[in-house]
Amino acid sequence: MGAGPPSSFKVIVEPDTTISIDPEEIWRAAITVMFRVTDFPLTDTWHEQSFPSPIGSTEIRLWDNTFGKERSYLTSQHVIWGLNRLMLSMFLSKQYCRTVAKISWAGEVIGTITVTPVAPGRPQRSAPDMQAERPAPMTPTSTESGFSHFFDRDVRVGVTYGSKSINKQLIYLTAIKAMGDAAERGLDTPVPYMITPGIQKVTWKLLRIRPVGSPLPDFKAGHSRMAIYRVIELLLHNQMFMETYVILSVIGEKYAIGGFDQEV
């Protein structure tokens, strides 16, 4: 749904194919990055921040280009765009390895996203294994506490499965993009629907079903973001990477229907 980055935004992906990494570790780390970064305003800026994968020994790290000496220009919006580009590049190239993605704006490198295995013996900060709950506070430069507390305790998802299997990496890629779309729309923005088309005709969608003008609270873009995270958690738990039919409930009321689908 997002308009996408302007032409002045570039991502240069530099893979090091001599150091391979388990693709699942990278995807799980990328989902963690997108979920946590989208919990903050698009204009918040980032210095160095590490996101370990919930499995294995891989981490994704954000770096600004100021080395902590000056104001960072690497914002949540840049990270959203950059991570989308990085994961699309990895999916298309199948080069799951140590990687540096340089993010540039108007010809100037403002930050990087690195994917690396954690060195043996180096302590790795623990991360919840896809627990669909508020992440630990890690505000970069803002004093705001983030948005997800508006949605996490209210959102419930019911999932049933169709007959078509979908490549799980396509589901991951679409989920990452859809969480970014929700953030760009504004997590607290009322919406009639959220639709994110991925590649190879895979789509995430949620359509509001409650009557317009109902006294119930609005269906918001942030509900879609939280629903995506919880659906991915269920797919991982059940190891069912299929077309999904999702019923989103908020405060016990059915709000929206949708899911992941792939057109034949």
C-alpha atoms as a PDB file:
ATOM      1  CA  MET A   1       0.000   0.000   0.000  1.00  0.00           C
ATOM      2  CA  GLY A   2       2.953   2.301   0.566  1.00  0.00           C
ATOM      3  CA  ALA A   3       4.004   4.633  -2.212  1.00  0.00           C
ATOM      4  CA  GLY A   4       7.549   3.343  -1.962  1.00  0.00           C
ATOM      5  CA  PRO A   5      10.820   5.220  -1.632  1.00  0.00           C
ATOM      6  CA  PRO A   6      11.777   8.094  -3.950  1.00  0.00           C
ATOM      7  CA  SER A   7      14.421   7.693  -6.616  1.00  0.00           C
ATOM      8  CA  SER A   8      16.974   9.448  -4.381  1.00  0.00           C
ATOM      9  CA  PHE A   9      16.875   6.466  -2.008  1.00  0.00           C
ATOM     10  CA  LYS A  10      19.284   3.663  -2.870  1.00  0.00           C
ATOM     11  CA  VAL A  11      20.370   0.390  -1.271  1.00  0.00           C
ATOM     12  CA  ILE A  12      23.622  -1.232  -2.358  1.00  0.00           C
ATOM     13  CA  VAL A  13      23.684  -4.894  -1.303  1.00  0.00           C
ATOM     14  CA  GLU A  14      27.152  -6.425  -0.931  1.00  0.00           C
ATOM     15  CA  PRO A  15      27.034 -10.180  -0.177  1.00  0.00           C
ATOM     16  CA  ASP A  16      30.060 -12.111   1.061  1.00  0.00           C
ATOM     17  CA  THR A  17      29.352 -15.562  -0.350  1.00  0.00           C
ATOM     18  CA  THR A  18      32.361 -17.081   1.448  1.00  0.00           C
ATOM     19  CA  ILE A  19      30.354 -17.019   4.715  1.00  0.00           C
ATOM     20  CA  SER A  20      26.987 -18.733   4.318  1.00  0.00           C
ATOM     21  CA  ILE A  21      24.177 -18.328   6.855  1.00  0.00           C
ATOM     22  CA  ASP A  22      21.090 -20.460   7.434  1.00  0.00           C
ATOM     23  CA  PRO A  23      18.301 -18.635   5.535  1.00  0.00           C
ATOM     24  CA  GLU A  24      15.772 -19.313   8.300  1.00  0.00           C
ATOM     25  CA  GLU A  25      17.948 -17.505  10.827  1.00  0.00           C
ATOM     26  CA  ILE A  26      18.123 -14.460   8.554  1.00  0.00           C
ATOM     27  CA  TRP A  27      14.367 -14.380   7.872  1.00  0.00           C
ATOM     28  CA  ARG A  28      13.503 -14.706  11.542  1.00  0.00           C
ATOM     29  CA  ALA A  29      15.900 -11.893  12.409  1.00  0.00           C
ATOM     30  CA  ALA A  30      14.441  -9.710   9.631  1.00  0.00           C
ATOM     31  CA  ILE A  31      10.898 -10.234  10.936  1.00  0.00           C
ATOM     32  CA  THR A  32      12.103  -9.193  14.400  1.00  0.00           C
ATOM     33  CA  VAL A  33      13.769  -6.058  12.990  1.00  0.00           C
ATOM     34  CA  MET A  34      10.697  -4.961  11.056  1.00  0.00           C
ATOM     35  CA  PHE A  35       8.308  -5.611  13.942  1.00  0.00           C
ATOM     36  CA  ARG A  36      10.427  -3.651  16.407  1.00  0.00           C
ATOM     37  CA  VAL A  37      11.422  -0.774  14.143  1.00  0.00           C
ATOM     38  CA  THR A  38       7.799  -0.206  13.093  1.00  0.00           C
ATOM     39  CA  ASP A  39       6.919   0.275  16.753  1.00  0.00           C
ATOM     40  CA  PHE A  40       8.444   3.738  16.553  1.00  0.00           C
ATOM     41  CA  PRO A  41       7.619   6.870  14.547  1.00  0.00           C
ATOM     42  CA  LEU A  42       8.927   6.964  10.989  1.00  0.00           C
ATOM     43  CA  THR A  43      11.041  10.020  11.811  1.00  0.00           C
ATOM     44  CA  ASP A  44      12.842   8.467  14.788  1.00  0.00           C
ATOM     45  CA  THR A  45      16.561   8.105  14.156  1.00  0.00           C
ATOM     46  CA  TRP A  46      18.863   5.189  14.853  1.00  0.00           C
ATOM     47  CA  HIS A  47      22.482   4.793  15.821  1.00  0.00           C
ATOM     48  CA  GLU A  48      23.925   1.305  16.353  1.00  0.00           C
ATOM     49  CA  GLN A  49      21.335  -1.359  17.249  1.00  0.00           C
ATOM     50  CA  SER A  50      21.622  -5.151  17.160  1.00  0.00           C
ATOM     51  CA  PHE A  51      18.748  -7.573  16.534  1.00  0.00           C
ATOM     52  CA  PRO A  52      19.682 -11.220  17.154  1.00  0.00           C
ATOM     53  CA  SER A  53      17.723 -13.921  15.396  1.00  0.00           C
ATOM     54  CA  PRO A  54      15.376 -15.845  17.722  1.00  0.00           C
ATOM     55  CA  ILE A  55      17.083 -19.009  16.443  1.00  0.00           C
ATOM     56  CA  GLY A  56      20.713 -19.802  15.727  1.00  0.00           C
ATOM     57  CA  SER A  57      23.568 -17.324  15.961  1.00  0.00           C
ATOM     58  CA  THR A  58      22.773 -14.679  13.354  1.00  0.00           C
ATOM     59  CA  GLU A  59      22.192 -10.997  13.969  1.00  0.00           C
ATOM     60  CA  ILE A  60      21.041  -8.062  11.913  1.00  0.00           C
ATOM     61  CA  ARG A  61      22.584  -4.785  12.978  1.00  0.00           C
ATOM     62  CA  LEU A  62      21.713  -1.203  12.101  1.00  0.00           C
ATOM     63  CA  TRP A  63      24.486   1.356  11.836  1.00  0.00           C
ATOM     64  CA  ASP A  64      24.235   5.040  11.180  1.00  0.00           C
ATOM     65  CA  ASN A  65      27.047   6.789   9.327  1.00  0.00           C
ATOM     66  CA  THR A  66      28.006   9.226  12.072  1.00  0.00           C
ATOM     67  CA  PHE A  67      29.818   6.832  14.426  1.00  0.00           C
ATOM     68  CA  GLY A  68      27.890   8.409  17.283  1.00  0.00           C
ATOM     69  CA  LYS A  69      29.580  11.786  16.840  1.00  0.00           C
ATOM     70  CA  GLU A  70      26.774  13.700  15.186  1.00  0.00           C
ATOM     71  CA  ARG A  71      23.044  13.585  14.714  1.00  0.00           C
ATOM     72  CA  SER A  72      21.966  10.414  12.890  1.00  0.00           C
ATOM     73  CA  TYR A  73      20.059  10.737   9.625  1.00  0.00           C
ATOM     74  CA  LEU A  74      19.085   7.045   9.528  1.00  0.00           C
ATOM     75  CA  THR A  75      15.361   7.023  10.333  1.00  0.00           C
ATOM     76  CA  SER A  76      12.838   4.257  10.892  1.00  0.00           C
ATOM     77  CA  GLN A  77      11.488   5.019   7.405  1.00  0.00           C
ATOM     78  CA  HIS A  78      14.921   4.425   5.871  1.00  0.00           C
ATOM     79  CA  VAL A  79      15.281   1.144   7.768  1.00  0.00           C
ATOM     80  CA  ILE A  80      11.857  -0.029   6.568  1.00  0.00           C
ATOM     81  CA  TRP A  81      12.724   0.697   2.946  1.00  0.00           C
ATOM     82  CA  GLY A  82      16.248  -0.675   3.317  1.00  0.00           C
ATOM     83  CA  LEU A  83      15.220  -3.936   4.950  1.00  0.00           C
ATOM     84  CA  ASN A  84      12.584  -4.537   2.282  1.00  0.00           C
ATOM     85  CA  ARG A  85      15.193  -4.048  -0.445  1.00  0.00           C
ATOM     86  CA  LEU A  86      17.740  -6.243   1.346  1.00  0.00           C
ATOM     87  CA  MET A  87      15.385  -9.172   1.878  1.00  0.00           C
ATOM     88  CA  LEU A  88      14.037  -8.963  -1.664  1.00  0.00           C
ATOM     89  CA  SER A  89      17.614  -9.054  -2.953  1.00  0.00           C
ATOM     90  CA  MET A  90      18.421 -12.098  -0.827  1.00  0.00           C
ATOM     91  CA  PHE A  91      15.276 -13.902  -1.934  1.00  0.00           C
ATOM     92  CA  LEU A  92      15.899 -13.289  -5.627  1.00  0.00           C
ATOM     93  CA  SER A  93      19.621 -14.049  -5.549  1.00  0.00           C
ATOM     94  CA  LYS A  94      19.404 -16.897  -3.016  1.00  0.00           C
ATOM     95  CA  GLN A  95      22.618 -15.530  -1.530  1.00  0.00           C
ATOM     96  CA  TYR A  96      22.018 -16.084   2.171  1.00  0.00           C
ATOM     97  CA  CYS A  97      25.365 -15.063   3.574  1.00  0.00           C
ATOM     98  CA  ARG A  98      27.179 -12.357   5.464  1.00  0.00           C
ATOM     99  CA  THR A  99      25.931  -9.149   3.847  1.00  0.00           C
ATOM    100  CA  VAL A 100      26.333  -5.403   4.054  1.00  0.00           C
ATOM    101  CA  ALA A 101      23.525  -3.229   2.689  1.00  0.00           C
ATOM    102  CA  LYS A 102      24.531   0.420   2.334  1.00  0.00           C
ATOM    103  CA  ILE A 103      21.655   2.884   2.537  1.00  0.00           C
ATOM    104  CA  SER A 104      22.121   6.137   0.659  1.00  0.00           C
ATOM    105  CA  TRP A 105      19.989   9.239   0.383  1.00  0.00           C
ATOM    106  CA  ALA A 106      20.635  11.811  -2.331  1.00  0.00           C
ATOM    107  CA  GLY A 107      23.998  10.200  -3.052  1.00  0.00           C
ATOM    108  CA  GLU A 108      25.194  10.131   0.574  1.00  0.00           C
ATOM    109  CA  VAL A 109      25.504   6.930   2.613  1.00  0.00           C
ATOM    110  CA  ILE A 110      23.483   7.536   5.789  1.00  0.00           C
ATOM    111  CA  GLY A 111      23.676   4.055   7.286  1.00  0.00           C
ATOM    112  CA  THR A 112      24.036   0.334   6.778  1.00  0.00           C
ATOM    113  CA  ILE A 113      22.230  -2.874   7.604  1.00  0.00           C
ATOM    114  CA  THR A 114      24.549  -5.810   8.220  1.00  0.00           C
ATOM    115  CA  VAL A 115      23.725  -9.511   8.404  1.00  0.00           C
ATOM    116  CA  THR A 116      26.390 -11.482  10.220  1.00  0.00           C
ATOM    117  CA  PRO A 117      26.916 -14.695  12.177  1.00  0.00           C
ATOM    118  CA  VAL A 118      27.784 -14.029  15.799  1.00  0.00           C
ATOM    119  CA  ALA A 119      31.432 -14.899  16.444  1.00  0.00           C
ATOM    120  CA  PRO A 120      32.041 -18.054  18.540  1.00  0.00           C
ATOM    121  CA  GLY A 121      32.290 -17.190  22.198  1.00  0.00           C
ATOM    122  CA  ARG A 122      30.690 -13.793  21.752  1.00  0.00           C
ATOM    123  CA  PRO A 123      27.609 -13.394  23.959  1.00  0.00           C
ATOM    124  CA  GLN A 124      24.393 -12.915  22.043  1.00  0.00           C
ATOM    125  CA  ARG A 125      21.529 -10.968  23.511  1.00  0.00           C
ATOM    126  CA  SER A 126      18.479 -13.123  23.875  1.00  0.00           C
ATOM    127  CA  ALA A 127      15.362 -12.468  21.808  1.00  0.00           C
ATOM    128  CA  PRO A 128      11.873 -13.876  22.318  1.00  0.00           C
ATOM    129  CA  ASP A 129      11.062 -16.751  19.991  1.00  0.00           C
ATOM    130  CA  MET A 130       8.285 -15.015  18.081  1.00  0.00           C
ATOM    131  CA  GLN A 131       6.399 -14.065  21.209  1.00  0.00           C
ATOM    132  CA  ALA A 132       3.581 -11.829  20.016  1.00  0.00           C
ATOM    133  CA  GLU A 133       3.898  -9.295  22.771  1.00  0.00           C
ATOM    134  CA  ARG A 134       5.308  -5.826  23.326  1.00  0.00           C
ATOM    135  CA  PRO A 135       9.069  -5.847  22.679  1.00  0.00           C
ATOM    136  CA  ALA A 136      11.396  -4.554  25.346  1.00  0.00           C
ATOM    137  CA  PRO A 137      11.779  -0.760  25.223  1.00  0.00           C
ATOM    138  CA  MET A 138      14.642   0.217  22.927  1.00  0.00           C
ATOM    139  CA  THR A 139      13.746   3.718  21.798  1.00  0.00           C
ATOM    140  CA  PRO A 140      16.522   5.050  19.555  1.00  0.00           C
ATOM    141  CA  THR A 141      16.396   8.856  19.871  1.00  0.00           C
ATOM    142  CA  SER A 142      12.762   9.494  20.729  1.00  0.00           C
ATOM    143  CA  THR A 143      11.312   9.702  24.217  1.00  0.00           C
ATOM    144  CA  GLU A 144       8.141   8.051  22.958  1.00  0.00           C
ATOM    145  CA  SER A 145       7.456   4.524  24.148  1.00  0.00           C
ATOM    146  CA  GLY A 146       6.240   3.209  20.814  1.00  0.00           C
ATOM    147  CA  PHE A 147       2.820   2.256  19.509  1.00  0.00           C
ATOM    148  CA  SER A 148       2.312  -1.475  19.932  1.00  0.00           C
ATOM    149  CA  HIS A 149       0.821  -1.212  23.422  1.00  0.00           C
ATOM    150  CA  PHE A 150      -2.280   0.205  21.691  1.00  0.00           C
ATOM    151  CA  PHE A 151      -2.786  -3.083  19.888  1.00  0.00           C
ATOM    152  CA  ASP A 152      -1.024  -6.053  21.473  1.00  0.00           C
ATOM    153  CA  ARG A 153      -3.460  -6.878  24.255  1.00  0.00           C
ATOM    154  CA  ASP A 154      -6.530  -6.254  22.084  1.00  0.00           C
ATOM    155  CA  VAL A 155      -5.730  -8.219  18.923  1.00  0.00           C
ATOM    156  CA  ARG A 156      -6.573 -11.904  18.499  1.00  0.00           C
ATOM    157  CA  VAL A 157      -6.371 -13.922  15.317  1.00  0.00           C
ATOM    158  CA  GLY A 158      -8.117 -17.113  14.277  1.00  0.00           C
ATOM    159  CA  VAL A 159      -6.414 -18.992  11.444  1.00  0.00           C
ATOM    160  CA  THR A 160      -7.607 -21.799   9.188  1.00  0.00           C
ATOM    161  CA  TYR A 161      -5.685 -23.181   6.255  1.00  0.00           C
ATOM    162  CA  GLY A 162      -6.554 -23.628   2.614  1.00  0.00           C
ATOM    163  CA  SER A 163      -5.355 -26.326   0.250  1.00  0.00           C
ATOM    164  CA  LYS A 164      -2.566 -24.392  -1.491  1.00  0.00           C
ATOM    165  CA  SER A 165       0.950 -24.373  -0.090  1.00  0.00           C
ATOM    166  CA  ILE A 166       2.960 -21.133  -0.345  1.00  0.00           C
ATOM    167  CA  ASN A 167       6.735 -20.857  -0.262  1.00  0.00           C
ATOM    168  CA  LYS A 168       7.403 -19.807   3.327  1.00  0.00           C
ATOM    169  CA  GLN A 169      10.048 -17.292   2.292  1.00  0.00           C
ATOM    170  CA  LEU A 170       7.440 -15.580   0.129  1.00  0.00           C
ATOM    171  CA  ILE A 171       5.189 -15.413   3.187  1.00  0.00           C
ATOM    172  CA  TYR A 172       8.042 -13.967   5.252  1.00  0.00           C
ATOM    173  CA  LEU A 173       8.871 -11.409   2.555  1.00  0.00           C
ATOM    174  CA  THR A 174       5.238 -10.314   2.213  1.00  0.00           C
ATOM    175  CA  ALA A 175       4.838 -10.123   5.999  1.00  0.00           C
ATOM    176  CA  ILE A 176       7.891  -7.883   6.326  1.00  0.00           C
ATOM    177  CA  LYS A 177       6.610  -5.581   3.596  1.00  0.00           C
ATOM    178  CA  ALA A 178       3.083  -5.520   5.074  1.00  0.00           C
ATOM    179  CA  MET A 179       4.335  -4.514   8.532  1.00  0.00           C
ATOM    180  CA  GLY A 180       6.231  -1.668   6.899  1.00  0.00           C
ATOM    181  CA  ASP A 181       3.119  -0.669   4.957  1.00  0.00           C
ATOM    182  CA  ALA A 182       1.153  -0.451   8.210  1.00  0.00           C
ATOM    183  CA  ALA A 183       3.793   1.805   9.746  1.00  0.00           C
ATOM    184  CA  GLU A 184       3.842   4.048   6.676  1.00  0.00           C
ATOM    185  CA  ARG A 185       0.053   4.308   6.763  1.00  0.00           C
ATOM    186  CA  GLY A 186       0.273   5.269  10.442  1.00  0.00           C
ATOM    187  CA  LEU A 187      -0.353   2.595  13.077  1.00  0.00           C
ATOM    188  CA  ASP A 188      -3.048   4.622  14.784  1.00  0.00           C
ATOM    189  CA  THR A 189      -4.808   5.499  11.498  1.00  0.00           C
ATOM    190  CA  PRO A 190      -8.348   4.103  10.980  1.00  0.00           C
ATOM    191  CA  VAL A 191      -8.535   2.168   7.708  1.00  0.00           C
ATOM    192  CA  PRO A 192     -11.222   0.208   5.823  1.00  0.00           C
ATOM    193  CA  TYR A 193      -8.641  -2.366   4.726  1.00  0.00           C
ATOM    194  CA  MET A 194      -4.933  -3.160   4.490  1.00  0.00           C
ATOM    195  CA  ILE A 195      -3.685  -4.874   1.333  1.00  0.00           C
ATOM    196  CA  THR A 196      -0.030  -5.570   0.578  1.00  0.00           C
ATOM    197  CA  PRO A 197       0.853  -7.273  -2.708  1.00  0.00           C
ATOM    198  CA  GLY A 198       4.119  -9.173  -2.609  1.00  0.00           C
ATOM    199  CA  ILE A 199       5.986 -10.814  -5.458  1.00  0.00           C
ATOM    200  CA  GLN A 200       4.874 -13.962  -7.305  1.00  0.00           C
ATOM    201  CA  LYS A 201       1.236 -12.990  -6.647  1.00  0.00           C
ATOM    202  CA  VAL A 202       1.391 -13.503  -2.884  1.00  0.00           C
ATOM    203  CA  THR A 203      -0.791 -11.004  -1.008  1.00  0.00           C
ATOM    204  CA  TRP A 204      -1.571 -10.099   2.591  1.00  0.00           C
ATOM    205  CA  LYS A 205      -4.950  -8.493   3.133  1.00  0.00           C
ATOM    206  CA  LEU A 206      -7.331  -7.604   5.917  1.00  0.00           C
ATOM    207  CA  LEU A 207     -10.759  -6.158   5.121  1.00  0.00           C
ATOM    208  CA  ARG A 208     -12.876  -4.479   7.775  1.00  0.00           C
ATOM    209  CA  ILE A 209     -16.170  -6.289   8.299  1.00  0.00           C
ATOM    210  CA  ARG A 210     -17.810  -4.324  11.072  1.00  0.00           C
ATOM    211  CA  PRO A 211     -20.458  -1.820   9.929  1.00  0.00           C
ATOM    212  CA  VAL A 212     -19.297   1.734   9.315  1.00  0.00           C
ATOM    213  CA  GLY A 213     -20.498   3.946  12.126  1.00  0.00           C
ATOM    214  CA  SER A 214     -20.442   1.149  14.692  1.00  0.00           C
ATOM    215  CA  PRO A 215     -19.765   2.379  18.245  1.00  0.00           C
ATOM    216  CA  LEU A 216     -16.878  -0.107  18.446  1.00  0.00           C
ATOM    217  CA  PRO A 217     -13.327   1.259  18.187  1.00  0.00           C
ATOM    218  CA  ASP A 218     -11.872   1.722  14.715  1.00  0.00           C
ATOM    219  CA  PHE A 219      -9.955  -0.909  12.800  1.00  0.00           C
ATOM    220  CA  LYS A 220      -6.475   0.612  12.453  1.00  0.00           C
ATOM    221  CA  ALA A 221      -3.364  -0.066  10.415  1.00  0.00           C
ATOM    222  CA  GLY A 222      -1.594  -1.114  13.616  1.00  0.00           C
ATOM    223  CA  HIS A 223      -4.048  -3.963  14.057  1.00  0.00           C
ATOM    224  CA  SER A 224      -2.876  -5.384  10.725  1.00  0.00           C
ATOM    225  CA  ARG A 225       0.770  -5.186  11.826  1.00  0.00           C
ATOM    226  CA  MET A 226       0.035  -7.030  15.054  1.00  0.00           C
ATOM    227  CA  ALA A 227      -2.124  -9.606  13.253  1.00  0.00           C
ATOM    228  CA  ILE A 228       0.690 -10.352  10.793  1.00  0.00           C
ATOM    229  CA  TYR A 229       3.132 -11.004  13.622  1.00  0.00           C
ATOM    230  CA  ARG A 230       0.684 -13.313  15.383  1.00  0.00           C
ATOM    231  CA  VAL A 231      -0.192 -15.186  12.190  1.00  0.00           C
ATOM    232  CA  ILE A 232       3.506 -15.782  11.485  1.00  0.00           C
ATOM    233  CA  GLU A 233       3.866 -17.071  15.036  1.00  0.00           C
ATOM    234  CA  LEU A 234       1.061 -19.574  14.403  1.00  0.00           C
ATOM    235  CA  LEU A 235       2.459 -20.663  11.036  1.00  0.00           C
ATOM    236  CA  LEU A 236       5.821 -21.332  12.666  1.00  0.00           C
ATOM    237  CA  HIS A 237       4.263 -23.197  15.571  1.00  0.00           C
ATOM    238  CA  ASN A 238       2.172 -25.417  13.286  1.00  0.00           C
ATOM    239  CA  GLN A 239       4.726 -25.534  10.456  1.00  0.00           C
ATOM    240  CA  MET A 240       1.848 -24.889   8.041  1.00  0.00           C
ATOM    241  CA  PHE A 241       2.887 -22.565   5.234  1.00  0.00           C
ATOM    242  CA  MET A 242      -0.341 -22.514   3.287  1.00  0.00           C
ATOM    243  CA  GLU A 243      -2.908 -20.031   2.127  1.00  0.00           C
ATOM    244  CA  THR A 244      -4.483 -18.762   5.321  1.00  0.00           C
ATOM    245  CA  TYR A 245      -7.914 -17.489   6.244  1.00  0.00           C
ATOM    246  CA  VAL A 246      -7.656 -15.049   9.119  1.00  0.00           C
ATOM    247  CA  ILE A 247     -10.363 -13.599  11.340  1.00  0.00           C
ATOM    248  CA  LEU A 248      -9.108 -10.603  13.288  1.00  0.00           C
ATOM    249  CA  SER A 249     -10.842  -9.878  16.572  1.00  0.00           C
ATOM    250  CA  VAL A 250     -10.303  -6.763  18.658  1.00  0.00           C
ATOM    251  CA  ILE A 251     -11.572  -6.694  22.228  1.00  0.00           C
ATOM    252  CA  GLY A 252     -13.561  -9.836  21.463  1.00  0.00           C
ATOM    253  CA  GLU A 253     -15.347  -8.403  18.421  1.00  0.00           C
ATOM    254  CA  LYS A 254     -14.727  -9.628  14.865  1.00  0.00           C
ATOM    255  CA  TYR A 255     -13.225  -6.728  12.970  1.00  0.00           C
ATOM    256  CA  ALA A 256     -11.649  -7.962   9.770  1.00  0.00           C
ATOM    257  CA  ILE A 257     -11.074 -10.989   7.570  1.00  0.00           C
ATOM    258  CA  GLY A 258      -8.279 -11.803   5.182  1.00  0.00           C
ATOM    259  CA  GLY A 259      -4.958 -13.612   5.279  1.00  0.00           C
ATOM    260  CA  PHE A 260      -2.141 -14.706   2.983  1.00  0.00           C
ATOM    261  CA  ASP A 261      -3.038 -15.915  -0.483  1.00  0.00           C
ATOM    262  CA  GLN A 262      -1.300 -16.650  -3.757  1.00  0.00           C
ATOM    263  CA  GLU A 263      -3.084 -16.354  -7.062  1.00  0.00           C
ATOM    264  CA  VAL A 264      -2.629 -19.288  -9.396  1.00  0.00           C
END
